[in-house]
Structure formats: structure tokens, C-alpha cells
Amino acid sequence: MQPPRPGTRAHALAVVRALADAYGPLPWRRRNPPVDELVTTLLSHSTTDANERRAFAQLRAAFPTWEEVRHAPPDAVIEAVRPAGMPTQKGPRVQRALEAVAADPRGGDLEWLGEIPVDQAMGWLTSLDGVGPKTAACVLSFSFNRPVLPVDTHVHRIALRLGVVPPGTSAAATQERLSRWVPPEEVYATHMRMIRLGRATCRARVPRCDECPLARLCRYAMSRRTMSSRVR
């Protein structure tokens, strides 16, 4: 049977099913409370997971509560988050985000983000300095299992190669399409499976198309096979 045409919802659903078959069940579990998730995702921009974790641990060791971070001298926060890179940008952003969190009358723990409509939660989060659609989606997905699929570099690359979105589609537009087309109960698992695929198989420089469980659904893999057959 012919696979669905790339760029259609049927194609996206076939990708979801193929990922589930390849990687098995992946039940949701809360990664962090929402304020922790917001801060750790702000620190994760343009750095490695290891450096983000070091910066977060160093920040919490220096200032055990978010209130202490909020009231700390800016230079001290900058120094604490230095392992994440870009400390003069990230330190003030963390403090400004925490100020906005504390100022909201709905509660400084951000648990209310799990109770309001998703579009309102996304709007509030993206109003914060340095918080784009991906960071907001991480907070909603990892802290609340809300049906927003974060699109990082791995997910964006895979979606483009598959043809789920047209060439040149931005990460934000890719996130909007995937969040709309992937069944809500599969959003978290699909994100995590795509991350795994991107790290091990659909790598940026040397993709392992011959090993990929999505090869028959992938426009990029099919074009590589066509090129290879012509060379022969």
C-alpha cells in the first residue's frame, strides 16, 4: 500500500503510528514543577543538556528558593548561571520571568497554567522576555501534559525531512501544525520519540536513513535512494 502523501494529516498520523511501533509505549510523567521547567528551559537555550543542568544546579545551590533568585544581585545570578553560556542574557531573563510569575495573582507556582485554555497559557508564557513558542510548549507539555508539541532542532529537522511541513517552514509554524495534527494523547510521546530518533538516527550531518523506522514515509530518505540508484 502506498504511504500517504507528505504534508497531509494522514501522513502525520502515519508518522505517529510508525514512531509508536518503533519505540513502544512512553507514558507521560511530570519532569519538573512549572516554575522549575520555565527556568531550566530558559537556561537550555543554545547550550548542551549537561551545561544546562550544571547551571540550574548551581543556581539552586546559591539561591535555594525562587524568591531568593528574584531578589538576588543580578551579578550573582549571572555568575550562577554561567555554565549555561550567555550568562549576561540568561541571568536577567530568569529574574524578569520570576518577577512576572510572582506578580500574577493566580499563584506564584504557575499551577494555574494547567487549568486555563492552552492558547491563553501559551500567550501568557510567550509574553515573558526570552520565552518563545518552544519554551512555552516545554512548560505546558512537561509539567502538565498539555497537547502542545515542543519543536526543537531535532523535531524541526525531522519534520522538514519527512515532508510533514514544506521546506522553509519555521519551527514555530511546525510546532503549530504538529500540535494540531498529532492526537492529544500522543503529543508528549511523539515529541520524545522524535528526539530519540533525531539524536540516534536522523542526525543533522550523517542521517542513518537505512536504519530509520520512518524511511518509507520520508521524502528525504526517498530522494536519497533515488540519487543512489542513479549513481549506480
C-alpha atoms as a PDB file:
ATOM      1  CA  MET A   1       0.000   0.000   0.000  1.00  0.00           C
ATOM      2  CA  GLN A   2       1.246   3.452  -0.913  1.00  0.00           C
ATOM      3  CA  PRO A   3       2.150   5.685   2.059  1.00  0.00           C
ATOM      4  CA  PRO A   4       0.082   8.859   2.483  1.00  0.00           C
ATOM      5  CA  ARG A   5       1.186  11.942   0.592  1.00  0.00           C
ATOM      6  CA  PRO A   6       3.674  14.041   2.622  1.00  0.00           C
ATOM      7  CA  GLY A   7       2.252  17.238   4.011  1.00  0.00           C
ATOM      8  CA  THR A   8      -1.155  15.769   4.800  1.00  0.00           C
ATOM      9  CA  ARG A   9      -2.675  14.966   8.170  1.00  0.00           C
ATOM     10  CA  ALA A  10      -2.873  11.302   7.117  1.00  0.00           C
ATOM     11  CA  HIS A  11       0.884  11.362   6.589  1.00  0.00           C
ATOM     12  CA  ALA A  12       1.480  12.919  10.012  1.00  0.00           C
ATOM     13  CA  LEU A  13      -0.711  10.258  11.635  1.00  0.00           C
ATOM     14  CA  ALA A  14       1.213   7.519   9.822  1.00  0.00           C
ATOM     15  CA  VAL A  15       4.419   9.005  11.255  1.00  0.00           C
ATOM     16  CA  VAL A  16       2.916   8.964  14.759  1.00  0.00           C
ATOM     17  CA  ARG A  17       1.974   5.295  14.379  1.00  0.00           C
ATOM     18  CA  ALA A  18       5.361   4.309  12.966  1.00  0.00           C
ATOM     19  CA  LEU A  19       7.158   6.027  15.842  1.00  0.00           C
ATOM     20  CA  ALA A  20       4.929   4.254  18.375  1.00  0.00           C
ATOM     21  CA  ASP A  21       5.624   0.896  16.705  1.00  0.00           C
ATOM     22  CA  ALA A  22       9.372   1.574  16.716  1.00  0.00           C
ATOM     23  CA  TYR A  23       9.779   2.867  20.262  1.00  0.00           C
ATOM     24  CA  GLY A  24       6.838   1.428  22.168  1.00  0.00           C
ATOM     25  CA  PRO A  25       4.741   2.968  24.942  1.00  0.00           C
ATOM     26  CA  LEU A  26       6.015   6.141  26.542  1.00  0.00           C
ATOM     27  CA  PRO A  27       3.670   7.275  29.323  1.00  0.00           C
ATOM     28  CA  TRP A  28       3.799  10.879  30.480  1.00  0.00           C
ATOM     29  CA  ARG A  29       5.321  11.793  33.797  1.00  0.00           C
ATOM     30  CA  ARG A  30       5.921  15.268  35.146  1.00  0.00           C
ATOM     31  CA  ARG A  31       9.519  16.302  34.583  1.00  0.00           C
ATOM     32  CA  ASN A  32       9.546  19.403  36.786  1.00  0.00           C
ATOM     33  CA  PRO A  33       7.141  21.752  38.563  1.00  0.00           C
ATOM     34  CA  PRO A  34       6.223  24.541  36.141  1.00  0.00           C
ATOM     35  CA  VAL A  35       8.463  27.299  37.546  1.00  0.00           C
ATOM     36  CA  ASP A  36      11.441  24.913  37.555  1.00  0.00           C
ATOM     37  CA  GLU A  37      10.592  23.892  33.991  1.00  0.00           C
ATOM     38  CA  LEU A  38      10.391  27.519  32.888  1.00  0.00           C
ATOM     39  CA  VAL A  39      13.789  28.365  34.373  1.00  0.00           C
ATOM     40  CA  THR A  40      15.548  25.234  33.154  1.00  0.00           C
ATOM     41  CA  THR A  41      14.230  25.747  29.637  1.00  0.00           C
ATOM     42  CA  LEU A  42      15.394  29.372  29.623  1.00  0.00           C
ATOM     43  CA  LEU A  43      18.836  28.129  30.638  1.00  0.00           C
ATOM     44  CA  SER A  44      18.808  25.443  27.936  1.00  0.00           C
ATOM     45  CA  HIS A  45      18.838  27.866  25.007  1.00  0.00           C
ATOM     46  CA  SER A  46      21.896  27.386  22.771  1.00  0.00           C
ATOM     47  CA  THR A  47      23.732  25.054  25.118  1.00  0.00           C
ATOM     48  CA  THR A  48      24.072  21.365  25.928  1.00  0.00           C
ATOM     49  CA  ASP A  49      21.866  19.426  28.324  1.00  0.00           C
ATOM     50  CA  ALA A  50      24.872  18.902  30.608  1.00  0.00           C
ATOM     51  CA  ASN A  51      25.653  22.622  30.788  1.00  0.00           C
ATOM     52  CA  GLU A  52      22.005  23.495  31.407  1.00  0.00           C
ATOM     53  CA  ARG A  53      21.854  21.008  34.288  1.00  0.00           C
ATOM     54  CA  ARG A  54      25.070  22.388  35.790  1.00  0.00           C
ATOM     55  CA  ALA A  55      23.753  25.940  35.615  1.00  0.00           C
ATOM     56  CA  PHE A  56      20.405  25.017  37.144  1.00  0.00           C
ATOM     57  CA  ALA A  57      22.074  23.092  39.986  1.00  0.00           C
ATOM     58  CA  GLN A  58      24.481  25.952  40.625  1.00  0.00           C
ATOM     59  CA  LEU A  59      21.648  28.490  40.669  1.00  0.00           C
ATOM     60  CA  ARG A  60      19.634  26.452  43.177  1.00  0.00           C
ATOM     61  CA  ALA A  61      22.691  25.843  45.355  1.00  0.00           C
ATOM     62  CA  ALA A  62      23.361  29.574  45.524  1.00  0.00           C
ATOM     63  CA  PHE A  63      19.697  30.548  45.966  1.00  0.00           C
ATOM     64  CA  PRO A  64      17.519  27.711  47.333  1.00  0.00           C
ATOM     65  CA  THR A  65      14.178  29.456  46.632  1.00  0.00           C
ATOM     66  CA  TRP A  66      12.881  31.294  43.587  1.00  0.00           C
ATOM     67  CA  GLU A  67      12.159  34.297  45.793  1.00  0.00           C
ATOM     68  CA  GLU A  68      15.851  34.434  46.677  1.00  0.00           C
ATOM     69  CA  VAL A  69      16.771  34.282  42.980  1.00  0.00           C
ATOM     70  CA  ARG A  70      14.321  37.100  42.274  1.00  0.00           C
ATOM     71  CA  HIS A  71      15.831  39.372  44.938  1.00  0.00           C
ATOM     72  CA  ALA A  72      19.462  38.404  44.378  1.00  0.00           C
ATOM     73  CA  PRO A  73      22.008  40.875  42.979  1.00  0.00           C
ATOM     74  CA  PRO A  74      21.939  40.488  39.179  1.00  0.00           C
ATOM     75  CA  ASP A  75      25.695  39.867  39.047  1.00  0.00           C
ATOM     76  CA  ALA A  76      25.324  36.942  41.456  1.00  0.00           C
ATOM     77  CA  VAL A  77      22.634  35.339  39.309  1.00  0.00           C
ATOM     78  CA  ILE A  78      24.724  35.892  36.182  1.00  0.00           C
ATOM     79  CA  GLU A  79      27.642  34.127  37.830  1.00  0.00           C
ATOM     80  CA  ALA A  80      25.457  31.236  38.991  1.00  0.00           C
ATOM     81  CA  VAL A  81      24.096  30.518  35.504  1.00  0.00           C
ATOM     82  CA  ARG A  82      27.442  30.967  33.738  1.00  0.00           C
ATOM     83  CA  PRO A  83      27.814  27.222  32.892  1.00  0.00           C
ATOM     84  CA  ALA A  84      24.801  27.525  30.550  1.00  0.00           C
ATOM     85  CA  GLY A  85      26.532  30.158  28.415  1.00  0.00           C
ATOM     86  CA  MET A  86      25.305  33.665  27.592  1.00  0.00           C
ATOM     87  CA  PRO A  87      25.026  34.430  31.335  1.00  0.00           C
ATOM     88  CA  THR A  88      24.538  38.178  30.930  1.00  0.00           C
ATOM     89  CA  GLN A  89      21.448  37.432  28.855  1.00  0.00           C
ATOM     90  CA  LYS A  90      20.093  34.410  30.710  1.00  0.00           C
ATOM     91  CA  GLY A  91      20.547  35.681  34.263  1.00  0.00           C
ATOM     92  CA  PRO A  92      18.412  38.816  33.798  1.00  0.00           C
ATOM     93  CA  ARG A  93      15.843  36.867  31.772  1.00  0.00           C
ATOM     94  CA  VAL A  94      15.406  34.379  34.610  1.00  0.00           C
ATOM     95  CA  GLN A  95      14.955  37.190  37.122  1.00  0.00           C
ATOM     96  CA  ARG A  96      12.461  39.050  34.921  1.00  0.00           C
ATOM     97  CA  ALA A  97      10.475  35.855  34.357  1.00  0.00           C
ATOM     98  CA  LEU A  98      10.364  35.208  38.093  1.00  0.00           C
ATOM     99  CA  GLU A  99       9.165  38.775  38.682  1.00  0.00           C
ATOM    100  CA  ALA A 100       6.265  38.186  36.280  1.00  0.00           C
ATOM    101  CA  VAL A 101       5.462  34.871  37.942  1.00  0.00           C
ATOM    102  CA  ALA A 102       5.394  36.446  41.405  1.00  0.00           C
ATOM    103  CA  ALA A 103       3.274  39.378  40.202  1.00  0.00           C
ATOM    104  CA  ASP A 104       0.465  37.237  38.801  1.00  0.00           C
ATOM    105  CA  PRO A 105      -2.401  36.969  41.309  1.00  0.00           C
ATOM    106  CA  ARG A 106      -3.276  33.445  40.171  1.00  0.00           C
ATOM    107  CA  GLY A 107      -0.354  31.972  42.067  1.00  0.00           C
ATOM    108  CA  GLY A 108       3.426  32.011  42.053  1.00  0.00           C
ATOM    109  CA  ASP A 109       3.717  28.266  41.491  1.00  0.00           C
ATOM    110  CA  LEU A 110       2.214  28.545  37.961  1.00  0.00           C
ATOM    111  CA  GLU A 111      -0.003  25.522  38.599  1.00  0.00           C
ATOM    112  CA  TRP A 112      -2.889  27.562  37.184  1.00  0.00           C
ATOM    113  CA  LEU A 113      -1.349  27.159  33.720  1.00  0.00           C
ATOM    114  CA  GLY A 114      -2.733  23.645  33.739  1.00  0.00           C
ATOM    115  CA  GLU A 115      -6.291  24.891  34.214  1.00  0.00           C
ATOM    116  CA  ILE A 116      -6.719  27.669  31.654  1.00  0.00           C
ATOM    117  CA  PRO A 117      -7.154  27.147  27.875  1.00  0.00           C
ATOM    118  CA  VAL A 118      -3.950  26.179  26.092  1.00  0.00           C
ATOM    119  CA  ASP A 119      -3.924  29.249  23.861  1.00  0.00           C
ATOM    120  CA  GLN A 120      -4.189  31.521  26.909  1.00  0.00           C
ATOM    121  CA  ALA A 121      -1.400  29.642  28.685  1.00  0.00           C
ATOM    122  CA  MET A 122       0.794  29.911  25.596  1.00  0.00           C
ATOM    123  CA  GLY A 123       0.012  33.609  25.309  1.00  0.00           C
ATOM    124  CA  TRP A 124       0.939  34.332  28.922  1.00  0.00           C
ATOM    125  CA  LEU A 125       4.192  32.394  28.718  1.00  0.00           C
ATOM    126  CA  THR A 126       5.301  33.896  25.417  1.00  0.00           C
ATOM    127  CA  SER A 127       4.716  37.389  26.810  1.00  0.00           C
ATOM    128  CA  LEU A 128       7.759  36.808  29.025  1.00  0.00           C
ATOM    129  CA  ASP A 129      11.145  38.034  27.850  1.00  0.00           C
ATOM    130  CA  GLY A 130      13.067  35.221  26.152  1.00  0.00           C
ATOM    131  CA  VAL A 131      10.136  32.794  26.105  1.00  0.00           C
ATOM    132  CA  GLY A 132       9.230  31.698  22.591  1.00  0.00           C
ATOM    133  CA  PRO A 133       6.741  29.061  21.437  1.00  0.00           C
ATOM    134  CA  LYS A 134       9.130  26.157  22.068  1.00  0.00           C
ATOM    135  CA  THR A 135       9.946  27.194  25.645  1.00  0.00           C
ATOM    136  CA  ALA A 136       6.257  27.757  26.401  1.00  0.00           C
ATOM    137  CA  ALA A 137       5.394  24.359  24.907  1.00  0.00           C
ATOM    138  CA  CYS A 138       8.034  22.676  27.078  1.00  0.00           C
ATOM    139  CA  VAL A 139       6.433  24.102  30.229  1.00  0.00           C
ATOM    140  CA  LEU A 140       2.932  23.034  29.182  1.00  0.00           C
ATOM    141  CA  SER A 141       3.941  19.609  27.902  1.00  0.00           C
ATOM    142  CA  PHE A 142       6.462  18.518  30.518  1.00  0.00           C
ATOM    143  CA  SER A 143       4.701  19.996  33.556  1.00  0.00           C
ATOM    144  CA  PHE A 144       1.047  19.452  32.592  1.00  0.00           C
ATOM    145  CA  ASN A 145       0.868  17.029  29.634  1.00  0.00           C
ATOM    146  CA  ARG A 146      -0.985  19.665  27.637  1.00  0.00           C
ATOM    147  CA  PRO A 147      -1.282  18.936  23.893  1.00  0.00           C
ATOM    148  CA  VAL A 148       1.439  21.255  22.606  1.00  0.00           C
ATOM    149  CA  LEU A 149       4.355  19.526  20.877  1.00  0.00           C
ATOM    150  CA  PRO A 150       7.652  21.365  21.502  1.00  0.00           C
ATOM    151  CA  VAL A 151       9.678  21.731  18.322  1.00  0.00           C
ATOM    152  CA  ASP A 152      13.409  21.863  18.961  1.00  0.00           C
ATOM    153  CA  THR A 153      16.159  21.420  16.363  1.00  0.00           C
ATOM    154  CA  HIS A 154      15.692  17.623  16.229  1.00  0.00           C
ATOM    155  CA  VAL A 155      11.922  17.726  15.777  1.00  0.00           C
ATOM    156  CA  HIS A 156      12.144  20.559  13.266  1.00  0.00           C
ATOM    157  CA  ARG A 157      14.772  18.734  11.177  1.00  0.00           C
ATOM    158  CA  ILE A 158      12.760  15.506  11.148  1.00  0.00           C
ATOM    159  CA  ALA A 159       9.502  17.240  10.223  1.00  0.00           C
ATOM    160  CA  LEU A 160      11.202  19.018   7.322  1.00  0.00           C
ATOM    161  CA  ARG A 161      12.904  15.873   6.048  1.00  0.00           C
ATOM    162  CA  LEU A 162       9.738  13.825   6.301  1.00  0.00           C
ATOM    163  CA  GLY A 163       7.757  16.456   4.438  1.00  0.00           C
ATOM    164  CA  VAL A 164       5.276  16.916   7.265  1.00  0.00           C
ATOM    165  CA  VAL A 165       5.790  20.630   6.627  1.00  0.00           C
ATOM    166  CA  PRO A 166       7.010  22.341   3.432  1.00  0.00           C
ATOM    167  CA  PRO A 167      10.685  23.329   3.008  1.00  0.00           C
ATOM    168  CA  GLY A 168      11.493  26.572   4.784  1.00  0.00           C
ATOM    169  CA  THR A 169       8.694  26.256   7.363  1.00  0.00           C
ATOM    170  CA  SER A 170       9.704  27.905  10.638  1.00  0.00           C
ATOM    171  CA  ALA A 171       9.978  25.982  13.889  1.00  0.00           C
ATOM    172  CA  ALA A 172       7.003  27.921  15.285  1.00  0.00           C
ATOM    173  CA  ALA A 173       4.793  27.028  12.308  1.00  0.00           C
ATOM    174  CA  THR A 174       5.963  23.413  12.505  1.00  0.00           C
ATOM    175  CA  GLN A 175       5.008  23.335  16.181  1.00  0.00           C
ATOM    176  CA  GLU A 176       1.565  24.713  15.385  1.00  0.00           C
ATOM    177  CA  ARG A 177       0.945  22.062  12.725  1.00  0.00           C
ATOM    178  CA  LEU A 178       2.215  19.128  14.768  1.00  0.00           C
ATOM    179  CA  SER A 179       0.263  20.242  17.842  1.00  0.00           C
ATOM    180  CA  ARG A 180      -2.887  20.428  15.714  1.00  0.00           C
ATOM    181  CA  TRP A 181      -2.432  17.156  13.810  1.00  0.00           C
ATOM    182  CA  VAL A 182      -0.966  14.781  16.398  1.00  0.00           C
ATOM    183  CA  PRO A 183      -3.687  13.228  18.594  1.00  0.00           C
ATOM    184  CA  PRO A 184      -3.625  14.921  22.037  1.00  0.00           C
ATOM    185  CA  GLU A 185      -2.920  11.673  23.860  1.00  0.00           C
ATOM    186  CA  GLU A 186       0.132  11.090  21.634  1.00  0.00           C
ATOM    187  CA  VAL A 187       1.700  14.560  21.731  1.00  0.00           C
ATOM    188  CA  TYR A 188       4.163  14.004  24.581  1.00  0.00           C
ATOM    189  CA  ALA A 189       5.211  10.539  23.434  1.00  0.00           C
ATOM    190  CA  THR A 190       5.611  11.665  19.827  1.00  0.00           C
ATOM    191  CA  HIS A 191       7.854  14.534  20.890  1.00  0.00           C
ATOM    192  CA  MET A 192      10.063  12.245  22.970  1.00  0.00           C
ATOM    193  CA  ARG A 193      10.245   9.617  20.213  1.00  0.00           C
ATOM    194  CA  MET A 194      11.254  12.250  17.662  1.00  0.00           C
ATOM    195  CA  ILE A 195      14.000  13.474  19.991  1.00  0.00           C
ATOM    196  CA  ARG A 196      15.301   9.918  20.278  1.00  0.00           C
ATOM    197  CA  LEU A 197      15.149   9.455  16.513  1.00  0.00           C
ATOM    198  CA  GLY A 198      16.943  12.754  15.889  1.00  0.00           C
ATOM    199  CA  ARG A 199      19.772  12.012  18.289  1.00  0.00           C
ATOM    200  CA  ALA A 200      20.483   8.448  17.172  1.00  0.00           C
ATOM    201  CA  THR A 201      19.277   8.081  13.575  1.00  0.00           C
ATOM    202  CA  CYS A 202      18.027  11.213  11.789  1.00  0.00           C
ATOM    203  CA  ARG A 203      21.162  13.114  12.661  1.00  0.00           C
ATOM    204  CA  ALA A 204      21.934  16.516  11.210  1.00  0.00           C
ATOM    205  CA  ARG A 205      25.132  15.687   9.339  1.00  0.00           C
ATOM    206  CA  VAL A 206      25.044  11.956   8.642  1.00  0.00           C
ATOM    207  CA  PRO A 207      21.480  10.639   8.827  1.00  0.00           C
ATOM    208  CA  ARG A 208      21.172   6.859   9.019  1.00  0.00           C
ATOM    209  CA  CYS A 209      18.293   6.518   6.585  1.00  0.00           C
ATOM    210  CA  ASP A 210      18.884   2.776   6.094  1.00  0.00           C
ATOM    211  CA  GLU A 211      18.160   2.229   9.805  1.00  0.00           C
ATOM    212  CA  CYS A 212      15.244   4.647  10.111  1.00  0.00           C
ATOM    213  CA  PRO A 213      11.788   3.299  11.026  1.00  0.00           C
ATOM    214  CA  LEU A 214      10.255   6.232   9.116  1.00  0.00           C
ATOM    215  CA  ALA A 215      12.190   5.744   5.862  1.00  0.00           C
ATOM    216  CA  ARG A 216       9.178   4.680   3.803  1.00  0.00           C
ATOM    217  CA  LEU A 217       7.325   7.815   4.943  1.00  0.00           C
ATOM    218  CA  CYS A 218      10.251  10.185   4.434  1.00  0.00           C
ATOM    219  CA  ARG A 219      10.637  12.451   1.423  1.00  0.00           C
ATOM    220  CA  TYR A 220      14.335  12.959   2.209  1.00  0.00           C
ATOM    221  CA  ALA A 221      15.086   9.229   2.510  1.00  0.00           C
ATOM    222  CA  MET A 222      13.269   8.507  -0.748  1.00  0.00           C
ATOM    223  CA  SER A 223      15.230  11.217  -2.563  1.00  0.00           C
ATOM    224  CA  ARG A 224      18.498   9.745  -1.282  1.00  0.00           C
ATOM    225  CA  ARG A 225      17.517   6.303  -2.543  1.00  0.00           C
ATOM    226  CA  THR A 226      16.642   7.776  -5.930  1.00  0.00           C
ATOM    227  CA  MET A 227      20.001   9.545  -6.155  1.00  0.00           C
ATOM    228  CA  SER A 228      21.829   6.387  -5.113  1.00  0.00           C
ATOM    229  CA  SER A 229      20.111   4.289  -7.805  1.00  0.00           C
ATOM    230  CA  ARG A 230      21.027   6.859 -10.467  1.00  0.00           C
ATOM    231  CA  VAL A 231      24.691   6.748  -9.447  1.00  0.00           C
ATOM    232  CA  ARG A 232      24.721   3.011  -9.928  1.00  0.00           C
END
